[in-house]
Amino acid sequence: MQALVTGAGKRLGRAMALKLAQEGFDLAVHYDRSAQEAEAVALEIRQMGRRAVTLQADLLSPSATAALLPAASEALEGPITCLVNNASIFEADTLQSATATSWNRHFDSNLRAPFALIQAMADQDVPLVSDANNEPRAWGLVVNMIDQRVRNLSPDFMTYTLAKSALWTLTQTAAQALAPQIRINAIGPGPTLANQHQSVEDFARQRASTILQRGVNCEDITAALGYLLSAPAVTGQLICVDSGQHLGWENQGD
């Protein structure tokens, strides 16, 4: 089995790449500028007895994005059967401050690139398989990393939220379009890792202000990924792994 994780050199991308290796996948570890970190992830995967390659691509470039999944398949010598669209740009703007640049950066990274990678995955020539009941079993799984914000809307981070909301729509419509060959699902993380704009104190307040009064750990996210790998009847779903943040969070410290 072969998997591609975008933005896999750091943070949640790293955790999900390692989880997939534990589940028996060979990995294409994508990065843009984090070459050293991506190589470290690939080394960890190889030490687990799996194959791993690192692939650089600027996902703001349509041509680089289009070439990424075929390159991963070629390097791993087999079709990509699991795609995790994790790479993302997350920058602050508002309705008043948003520009064409902020719009394009968020929509290119959070919507156009996942769309193109899903297209490339679907273009692979992989035969449909059947299960013990002689019913179709999807050969592929896409997991789009979204954000609980799509179920907890606010005007903050305007174009980012719009792009992630569109990615949630893509998750559902692609699930319809690609069934029964490929399942398309999404994970919506809550406060897992502090972003570059946050102080330690602000992030601690965010974690404590969820309705479960705790944050989310990387292991919580990878547990959701593990569930989706093992759930052949699940498609078109968003799992919010957010300590209930989408049900009522004060959005303190954004």
C-alpha atoms as a PDB file:
ATOM      1  CA  MET A   1       0.000   0.000   0.000  1.00  0.00           C
ATOM      2  CA  GLN A   2       1.217   3.470  -0.891  1.00  0.00           C
ATOM      3  CA  ALA A   3       0.209   6.803   0.650  1.00  0.00           C
ATOM      4  CA  LEU A   4       0.913  10.475  -0.017  1.00  0.00           C
ATOM      5  CA  VAL A   5       0.691  13.031   2.788  1.00  0.00           C
ATOM      6  CA  THR A   6       1.075  16.685   1.864  1.00  0.00           C
ATOM      7  CA  GLY A   7       2.882  18.921   4.299  1.00  0.00           C
ATOM      8  CA  ALA A   8       4.261  15.839   6.024  1.00  0.00           C
ATOM      9  CA  GLY A   9       7.495  17.266   7.398  1.00  0.00           C
ATOM     10  CA  LYS A  10       5.994  18.927  10.454  1.00  0.00           C
ATOM     11  CA  ARG A  11       3.141  19.053  12.913  1.00  0.00           C
ATOM     12  CA  LEU A  12       0.031  17.018  12.080  1.00  0.00           C
ATOM     13  CA  GLY A  13       1.365  15.975   8.681  1.00  0.00           C
ATOM     14  CA  ARG A  14       4.314  14.286  10.345  1.00  0.00           C
ATOM     15  CA  ALA A  15       2.059  12.514  12.850  1.00  0.00           C
ATOM     16  CA  MET A  16      -0.244  11.227  10.122  1.00  0.00           C
ATOM     17  CA  ALA A  17       2.623  10.022   7.940  1.00  0.00           C
ATOM     18  CA  LEU A  18       4.025   8.026  10.851  1.00  0.00           C
ATOM     19  CA  LYS A  19       0.568   6.623  11.630  1.00  0.00           C
ATOM     20  CA  LEU A  20       0.176   5.427   8.044  1.00  0.00           C
ATOM     21  CA  ALA A  21       3.579   3.755   8.200  1.00  0.00           C
ATOM     22  CA  GLN A  22       2.458   1.969  11.362  1.00  0.00           C
ATOM     23  CA  GLU A  23      -0.608   0.804   9.427  1.00  0.00           C
ATOM     24  CA  GLY A  24       1.594  -0.766   6.751  1.00  0.00           C
ATOM     25  CA  PHE A  25       1.820   1.958   4.110  1.00  0.00           C
ATOM     26  CA  ASP A  26       4.879   3.055   2.195  1.00  0.00           C
ATOM     27  CA  LEU A  27       4.995   6.842   2.238  1.00  0.00           C
ATOM     28  CA  ALA A  28       5.563   9.764  -0.073  1.00  0.00           C
ATOM     29  CA  VAL A  29       6.463  12.582   2.321  1.00  0.00           C
ATOM     30  CA  HIS A  30       5.626  15.870   0.628  1.00  0.00           C
ATOM     31  CA  TYR A  31       7.175  19.168   1.643  1.00  0.00           C
ATOM     32  CA  ASP A  32       7.578  22.649   0.228  1.00  0.00           C
ATOM     33  CA  ARG A  33      10.372  24.312   2.198  1.00  0.00           C
ATOM     34  CA  SER A  34      10.904  21.887   5.096  1.00  0.00           C
ATOM     35  CA  ALA A  35      13.381  19.552   3.390  1.00  0.00           C
ATOM     36  CA  GLN A  36      15.367  18.687   6.514  1.00  0.00           C
ATOM     37  CA  GLU A  37      12.246  17.899   8.527  1.00  0.00           C
ATOM     38  CA  ALA A  38      10.779  15.793   5.701  1.00  0.00           C
ATOM     39  CA  GLU A  39      13.971  13.750   5.453  1.00  0.00           C
ATOM     40  CA  ALA A  40      13.828  13.141   9.201  1.00  0.00           C
ATOM     41  CA  VAL A  41      10.254  11.846   8.879  1.00  0.00           C
ATOM     42  CA  ALA A  42      11.263   9.603   5.983  1.00  0.00           C
ATOM     43  CA  LEU A  43      14.139   8.215   8.056  1.00  0.00           C
ATOM     44  CA  GLU A  44      11.753   7.383  10.914  1.00  0.00           C
ATOM     45  CA  ILE A  45       9.477   5.570   8.472  1.00  0.00           C
ATOM     46  CA  ARG A  46      12.354   3.564   7.015  1.00  0.00           C
ATOM     47  CA  GLN A  47      13.400   2.585  10.526  1.00  0.00           C
ATOM     48  CA  MET A  48       9.888   1.139  10.903  1.00  0.00           C
ATOM     49  CA  GLY A  49      10.571  -1.146   7.946  1.00  0.00           C
ATOM     50  CA  ARG A  50       8.543   0.796   5.380  1.00  0.00           C
ATOM     51  CA  ARG A  51       9.657   2.577   2.229  1.00  0.00           C
ATOM     52  CA  ALA A  52       9.663   6.365   2.219  1.00  0.00           C
ATOM     53  CA  VAL A  53      10.524   9.044  -0.311  1.00  0.00           C
ATOM     54  CA  THR A  54      10.500  12.815   0.030  1.00  0.00           C
ATOM     55  CA  LEU A  55       8.998  14.963  -2.711  1.00  0.00           C
ATOM     56  CA  GLN A  56       9.180  18.741  -2.972  1.00  0.00           C
ATOM     57  CA  ALA A  57       6.328  20.685  -4.556  1.00  0.00           C
ATOM     58  CA  ASP A  58       4.952  24.204  -4.223  1.00  0.00           C
ATOM     59  CA  LEU A  59       1.204  23.570  -4.055  1.00  0.00           C
ATOM     60  CA  LEU A  60       0.540  27.172  -5.067  1.00  0.00           C
ATOM     61  CA  SER A  61       1.851  26.124  -8.496  1.00  0.00           C
ATOM     62  CA  PRO A  62      -0.727  24.261 -10.615  1.00  0.00           C
ATOM     63  CA  SER A  63       1.957  22.458 -12.613  1.00  0.00           C
ATOM     64  CA  ALA A  64       3.871  21.334  -9.519  1.00  0.00           C
ATOM     65  CA  THR A  65       0.651  20.144  -7.908  1.00  0.00           C
ATOM     66  CA  ALA A  66      -0.389  18.192 -11.002  1.00  0.00           C
ATOM     67  CA  ALA A  67       2.954  16.383 -11.078  1.00  0.00           C
ATOM     68  CA  LEU A  68       3.059  15.454  -7.390  1.00  0.00           C
ATOM     69  CA  LEU A  69       0.836  12.381  -7.136  1.00  0.00           C
ATOM     70  CA  PRO A  70       2.148  10.728 -10.331  1.00  0.00           C
ATOM     71  CA  ALA A  71       5.682  11.316  -9.022  1.00  0.00           C
ATOM     72  CA  ALA A  72       4.744   9.705  -5.706  1.00  0.00           C
ATOM     73  CA  SER A  73       3.258   6.695  -7.467  1.00  0.00           C
ATOM     74  CA  GLU A  74       6.337   6.293  -9.645  1.00  0.00           C
ATOM     75  CA  ALA A  75       8.745   6.612  -6.724  1.00  0.00           C
ATOM     76  CA  LEU A  76       6.849   4.065  -4.627  1.00  0.00           C
ATOM     77  CA  GLU A  77       6.262   1.773  -7.615  1.00  0.00           C
ATOM     78  CA  GLY A  78       2.528   1.453  -7.152  1.00  0.00           C
ATOM     79  CA  PRO A  79      -0.739   3.383  -7.111  1.00  0.00           C
ATOM     80  CA  ILE A  80      -1.400   5.854  -4.324  1.00  0.00           C
ATOM     81  CA  THR A  81      -4.273   4.313  -2.380  1.00  0.00           C
ATOM     82  CA  CYS A  82      -4.353   6.811   0.490  1.00  0.00           C
ATOM     83  CA  LEU A  83      -4.070  10.579   0.069  1.00  0.00           C
ATOM     84  CA  VAL A  84      -4.022  12.964   3.026  1.00  0.00           C
ATOM     85  CA  ASN A  85      -4.533  16.576   1.954  1.00  0.00           C
ATOM     86  CA  ASN A  86      -2.896  18.200   4.943  1.00  0.00           C
ATOM     87  CA  ALA A  87      -0.793  21.082   3.582  1.00  0.00           C
ATOM     88  CA  SER A  88      -2.493  24.389   4.243  1.00  0.00           C
ATOM     89  CA  ILE A  89      -1.994  28.123   4.440  1.00  0.00           C
ATOM     90  CA  PHE A  90      -3.570  29.733   7.518  1.00  0.00           C
ATOM     91  CA  GLU A  91      -3.271  33.510   7.592  1.00  0.00           C
ATOM     92  CA  ALA A  92      -5.447  36.122   9.242  1.00  0.00           C
ATOM     93  CA  ASP A  93      -7.706  38.455   7.287  1.00  0.00           C
ATOM     94  CA  THR A  94     -11.189  39.927   7.588  1.00  0.00           C
ATOM     95  CA  LEU A  95     -13.892  40.897   5.126  1.00  0.00           C
ATOM     96  CA  GLN A  96     -12.415  44.389   5.033  1.00  0.00           C
ATOM     97  CA  SER A  97      -8.733  43.454   4.920  1.00  0.00           C
ATOM     98  CA  ALA A  98      -8.896  40.499   2.493  1.00  0.00           C
ATOM     99  CA  THR A  99      -7.086  41.014  -0.807  1.00  0.00           C
ATOM    100  CA  ALA A 100      -6.816  39.153  -4.083  1.00  0.00           C
ATOM    101  CA  THR A 101      -3.517  37.796  -2.797  1.00  0.00           C
ATOM    102  CA  SER A 102      -4.926  36.467   0.481  1.00  0.00           C
ATOM    103  CA  TRP A 103      -7.915  35.004  -1.394  1.00  0.00           C
ATOM    104  CA  ASN A 104      -5.716  33.227  -3.936  1.00  0.00           C
ATOM    105  CA  ARG A 105      -3.232  31.921  -1.367  1.00  0.00           C
ATOM    106  CA  HIS A 106      -5.975  30.389   0.754  1.00  0.00           C
ATOM    107  CA  PHE A 107      -8.041  28.985  -2.095  1.00  0.00           C
ATOM    108  CA  ASP A 108      -5.026  27.666  -4.011  1.00  0.00           C
ATOM    109  CA  SER A 109      -3.582  25.819  -1.022  1.00  0.00           C
ATOM    110  CA  ASN A 110      -6.795  24.727   0.693  1.00  0.00           C
ATOM    111  CA  LEU A 111      -9.043  23.956  -2.286  1.00  0.00           C
ATOM    112  CA  ARG A 112      -7.412  23.941  -5.717  1.00  0.00           C
ATOM    113  CA  ALA A 113      -4.462  21.774  -4.689  1.00  0.00           C
ATOM    114  CA  PRO A 114      -6.599  19.118  -2.929  1.00  0.00           C
ATOM    115  CA  PHE A 115      -8.964  19.115  -5.917  1.00  0.00           C
ATOM    116  CA  ALA A 116      -6.089  18.524  -8.351  1.00  0.00           C
ATOM    117  CA  LEU A 117      -4.577  15.780  -6.198  1.00  0.00           C
ATOM    118  CA  ILE A 118      -7.927  14.007  -5.909  1.00  0.00           C
ATOM    119  CA  GLN A 119      -8.275  14.210  -9.701  1.00  0.00           C
ATOM    120  CA  ALA A 120      -4.828  12.671 -10.138  1.00  0.00           C
ATOM    121  CA  MET A 121      -5.633   9.891  -7.688  1.00  0.00           C
ATOM    122  CA  ALA A 122      -8.867   9.083  -9.520  1.00  0.00           C
ATOM    123  CA  ASP A 123      -6.983   8.960 -12.834  1.00  0.00           C
ATOM    124  CA  GLN A 124      -4.978   5.944 -11.654  1.00  0.00           C
ATOM    125  CA  ASP A 125      -5.896   2.641 -13.252  1.00  0.00           C
ATOM    126  CA  VAL A 126      -6.780   0.534 -10.217  1.00  0.00           C
ATOM    127  CA  PRO A 127      -9.340  -2.277 -10.488  1.00  0.00           C
ATOM    128  CA  LEU A 128     -12.333  -2.268  -8.161  1.00  0.00           C
ATOM    129  CA  VAL A 129     -12.193  -5.009  -5.543  1.00  0.00           C
ATOM    130  CA  SER A 130     -14.946  -6.905  -3.745  1.00  0.00           C
ATOM    131  CA  ASP A 131     -15.305  -7.933  -0.118  1.00  0.00           C
ATOM    132  CA  ALA A 132     -16.428 -11.235   1.406  1.00  0.00           C
ATOM    133  CA  ASN A 133     -20.050 -10.381   0.591  1.00  0.00           C
ATOM    134  CA  ASN A 134     -19.118  -9.865  -3.056  1.00  0.00           C
ATOM    135  CA  GLU A 135     -19.904  -6.167  -2.660  1.00  0.00           C
ATOM    136  CA  PRO A 136     -17.635  -3.366  -3.902  1.00  0.00           C
ATOM    137  CA  ARG A 137     -14.893  -2.242  -1.534  1.00  0.00           C
ATOM    138  CA  ALA A 138     -13.232   1.083  -2.300  1.00  0.00           C
ATOM    139  CA  TRP A 139      -9.566   0.747  -3.192  1.00  0.00           C
ATOM    140  CA  GLY A 140      -8.770   4.342  -2.252  1.00  0.00           C
ATOM    141  CA  LEU A 141      -9.174   6.741   0.666  1.00  0.00           C
ATOM    142  CA  VAL A 142      -8.775  10.511   0.677  1.00  0.00           C
ATOM    143  CA  VAL A 143      -8.668  12.375   3.976  1.00  0.00           C
ATOM    144  CA  ASN A 144      -9.010  16.144   3.714  1.00  0.00           C
ATOM    145  CA  MET A 145      -7.802  18.082   6.725  1.00  0.00           C
ATOM    146  CA  ILE A 146     -10.400  20.785   7.177  1.00  0.00           C
ATOM    147  CA  ASP A 147     -11.125  22.706  10.404  1.00  0.00           C
ATOM    148  CA  GLN A 148     -13.877  22.671  12.963  1.00  0.00           C
ATOM    149  CA  ARG A 149     -14.447  26.314  11.921  1.00  0.00           C
ATOM    150  CA  VAL A 150     -16.665  25.121   9.077  1.00  0.00           C
ATOM    151  CA  ARG A 151     -19.195  24.134  11.764  1.00  0.00           C
ATOM    152  CA  ASN A 152     -18.429  27.055  14.071  1.00  0.00           C
ATOM    153  CA  LEU A 153     -18.410  29.997  11.707  1.00  0.00           C
ATOM    154  CA  SER A 154     -17.001  33.380  12.627  1.00  0.00           C
ATOM    155  CA  PRO A 155     -15.813  36.329  10.520  1.00  0.00           C
ATOM    156  CA  ASP A 156     -12.221  35.847  11.660  1.00  0.00           C
ATOM    157  CA  PHE A 157      -9.725  34.364   9.193  1.00  0.00           C
ATOM    158  CA  MET A 158     -12.227  35.133   6.458  1.00  0.00           C
ATOM    159  CA  THR A 159     -10.725  33.736   3.245  1.00  0.00           C
ATOM    160  CA  TYR A 160      -9.183  30.764   5.069  1.00  0.00           C
ATOM    161  CA  THR A 161     -12.599  29.827   6.462  1.00  0.00           C
ATOM    162  CA  LEU A 162     -14.242  30.252   3.059  1.00  0.00           C
ATOM    163  CA  ALA A 163     -11.647  27.983   1.441  1.00  0.00           C
ATOM    164  CA  LYS A 164     -11.977  25.294   4.118  1.00  0.00           C
ATOM    165  CA  SER A 165     -15.771  25.460   3.810  1.00  0.00           C
ATOM    166  CA  ALA A 166     -15.406  24.879   0.080  1.00  0.00           C
ATOM    167  CA  LEU A 167     -13.097  21.932   0.805  1.00  0.00           C
ATOM    168  CA  TRP A 168     -15.835  20.426   2.977  1.00  0.00           C
ATOM    169  CA  THR A 169     -18.240  20.759   0.038  1.00  0.00           C
ATOM    170  CA  LEU A 170     -15.629  19.124  -2.206  1.00  0.00           C
ATOM    171  CA  THR A 171     -15.324  16.274   0.298  1.00  0.00           C
ATOM    172  CA  GLN A 172     -19.019  15.503  -0.052  1.00  0.00           C
ATOM    173  CA  THR A 173     -19.354  15.969  -3.803  1.00  0.00           C
ATOM    174  CA  ALA A 174     -16.148  14.054  -4.561  1.00  0.00           C
ATOM    175  CA  ALA A 175     -17.446  11.229  -2.358  1.00  0.00           C
ATOM    176  CA  GLN A 176     -20.501  11.098  -4.607  1.00  0.00           C
ATOM    177  CA  ALA A 177     -18.492  11.357  -7.813  1.00  0.00           C
ATOM    178  CA  LEU A 178     -15.844   8.750  -7.013  1.00  0.00           C
ATOM    179  CA  ALA A 179     -17.921   6.076  -5.280  1.00  0.00           C
ATOM    180  CA  PRO A 180     -17.537   3.146  -5.092  1.00  0.00           C
ATOM    181  CA  GLN A 181     -13.850   3.267  -6.069  1.00  0.00           C
ATOM    182  CA  ILE A 182     -12.596   5.944  -3.662  1.00  0.00           C
ATOM    183  CA  ARG A 183     -13.878   7.094  -0.279  1.00  0.00           C
ATOM    184  CA  ILE A 184     -13.520  10.787   0.573  1.00  0.00           C
ATOM    185  CA  ASN A 185     -13.637  11.918   4.193  1.00  0.00           C
ATOM    186  CA  ALA A 186     -12.408  14.785   6.335  1.00  0.00           C
ATOM    187  CA  ILE A 187     -11.038  15.512   9.785  1.00  0.00           C
ATOM    188  CA  GLY A 188     -11.707  18.843  11.493  1.00  0.00           C
ATOM    189  CA  PRO A 189      -9.104  19.403  14.211  1.00  0.00           C
ATOM    190  CA  GLY A 190      -9.640  21.629  17.200  1.00  0.00           C
ATOM    191  CA  PRO A 191      -6.844  23.274  19.226  1.00  0.00           C
ATOM    192  CA  THR A 192      -4.051  20.760  18.722  1.00  0.00           C
ATOM    193  CA  LEU A 193      -0.848  22.708  18.080  1.00  0.00           C
ATOM    194  CA  ALA A 194      -0.352  26.419  18.626  1.00  0.00           C
ATOM    195  CA  ASN A 195      -0.111  28.536  15.497  1.00  0.00           C
ATOM    196  CA  GLN A 196       2.660  31.027  14.912  1.00  0.00           C
ATOM    197  CA  HIS A 197       0.514  33.950  16.052  1.00  0.00           C
ATOM    198  CA  GLN A 198      -0.290  32.559  19.512  1.00  0.00           C
ATOM    199  CA  SER A 199       1.397  32.890  22.864  1.00  0.00           C
ATOM    200  CA  VAL A 200       1.621  29.924  25.203  1.00  0.00           C
ATOM    201  CA  GLU A 201      -0.958  31.575  27.449  1.00  0.00           C
ATOM    202  CA  ASP A 202      -3.444  32.206  24.631  1.00  0.00           C
ATOM    203  CA  PHE A 203      -3.184  28.629  23.407  1.00  0.00           C
ATOM    204  CA  ALA A 204      -3.691  27.250  26.911  1.00  0.00           C
ATOM    205  CA  ARG A 205      -6.851  29.373  27.207  1.00  0.00           C
ATOM    206  CA  GLN A 206      -8.110  28.032  23.883  1.00  0.00           C
ATOM    207  CA  ARG A 207      -7.645  24.447  24.974  1.00  0.00           C
ATOM    208  CA  ALA A 208      -9.326  25.039  28.328  1.00  0.00           C
ATOM    209  CA  SER A 209     -12.314  26.853  26.809  1.00  0.00           C
ATOM    210  CA  THR A 210     -13.608  23.895  24.781  1.00  0.00           C
ATOM    211  CA  ILE A 211     -16.674  22.232  26.248  1.00  0.00           C
ATOM    212  CA  LEU A 212     -14.542  19.258  27.333  1.00  0.00           C
ATOM    213  CA  GLN A 213     -12.137  21.756  28.944  1.00  0.00           C
ATOM    214  CA  ARG A 214      -9.172  20.179  27.204  1.00  0.00           C
ATOM    215  CA  GLY A 215      -7.403  20.459  23.912  1.00  0.00           C
ATOM    216  CA  VAL A 216      -6.602  17.879  21.259  1.00  0.00           C
ATOM    217  CA  ASN A 217      -3.401  15.856  20.954  1.00  0.00           C
ATOM    218  CA  CYS A 218      -1.815  14.557  17.764  1.00  0.00           C
ATOM    219  CA  GLU A 219      -2.744  11.038  18.868  1.00  0.00           C
ATOM    220  CA  ASP A 220      -6.418  12.046  18.832  1.00  0.00           C
ATOM    221  CA  ILE A 221      -6.101  13.098  15.194  1.00  0.00           C
ATOM    222  CA  THR A 222      -4.235   9.963  14.148  1.00  0.00           C
ATOM    223  CA  ALA A 223      -6.858   7.845  15.923  1.00  0.00           C
ATOM    224  CA  ALA A 224      -9.476   9.390  13.635  1.00  0.00           C
ATOM    225  CA  LEU A 225      -7.275   8.621  10.641  1.00  0.00           C
ATOM    226  CA  GLY A 226      -6.963   5.029  11.833  1.00  0.00           C
ATOM    227  CA  TYR A 227     -10.730   4.756  12.118  1.00  0.00           C
ATOM    228  CA  LEU A 228     -11.250   6.027   8.576  1.00  0.00           C
ATOM    229  CA  LEU A 229      -8.724   3.507   7.274  1.00  0.00           C
ATOM    230  CA  SER A 230     -10.688   0.696   8.902  1.00  0.00           C
ATOM    231  CA  ALA A 231     -14.226   1.854   8.010  1.00  0.00           C
ATOM    232  CA  PRO A 232     -15.065   0.774   4.434  1.00  0.00           C
ATOM    233  CA  ALA A 233     -18.686   1.947   4.724  1.00  0.00           C
ATOM    234  CA  VAL A 234     -17.810   5.545   5.665  1.00  0.00           C
ATOM    235  CA  THR A 235     -17.565   8.251   3.004  1.00  0.00           C
ATOM    236  CA  GLY A 236     -18.493  11.908   2.724  1.00  0.00           C
ATOM    237  CA  GLN A 237     -18.037  12.468   6.458  1.00  0.00           C
ATOM    238  CA  LEU A 238     -16.351  15.130   8.577  1.00  0.00           C
ATOM    239  CA  ILE A 239     -15.073  14.008  11.973  1.00  0.00           C
ATOM    240  CA  CYS A 240     -14.511  17.006  14.243  1.00  0.00           C
ATOM    241  CA  VAL A 241     -11.747  16.003  16.639  1.00  0.00           C
ATOM    242  CA  ASP A 242     -11.984  19.156  18.687  1.00  0.00           C
ATOM    243  CA  SER A 243     -13.099  18.461  22.264  1.00  0.00           C
ATOM    244  CA  GLY A 244     -16.510  19.782  21.259  1.00  0.00           C
ATOM    245  CA  GLN A 245     -15.124  23.112  20.064  1.00  0.00           C
ATOM    246  CA  HIS A 246     -17.581  23.279  17.156  1.00  0.00           C
ATOM    247  CA  LEU A 247     -20.488  23.101  19.635  1.00  0.00           C
ATOM    248  CA  GLY A 248     -19.503  26.139  21.613  1.00  0.00           C
ATOM    249  CA  TRP A 249     -16.122  27.750  21.929  1.00  0.00           C
ATOM    250  CA  GLU A 250     -15.510  31.355  22.880  1.00  0.00           C
ATOM    251  CA  ASN A 251     -12.781  31.820  20.257  1.00  0.00           C
ATOM    252  CA  GLN A 252     -10.543  33.488  22.773  1.00  0.00           C
ATOM    253  CA  GLY A 253      -7.035  34.324  21.722  1.00  0.00           C
ATOM    254  CA  ASP A 254      -7.368  33.880  17.923  1.00  0.00           C
END
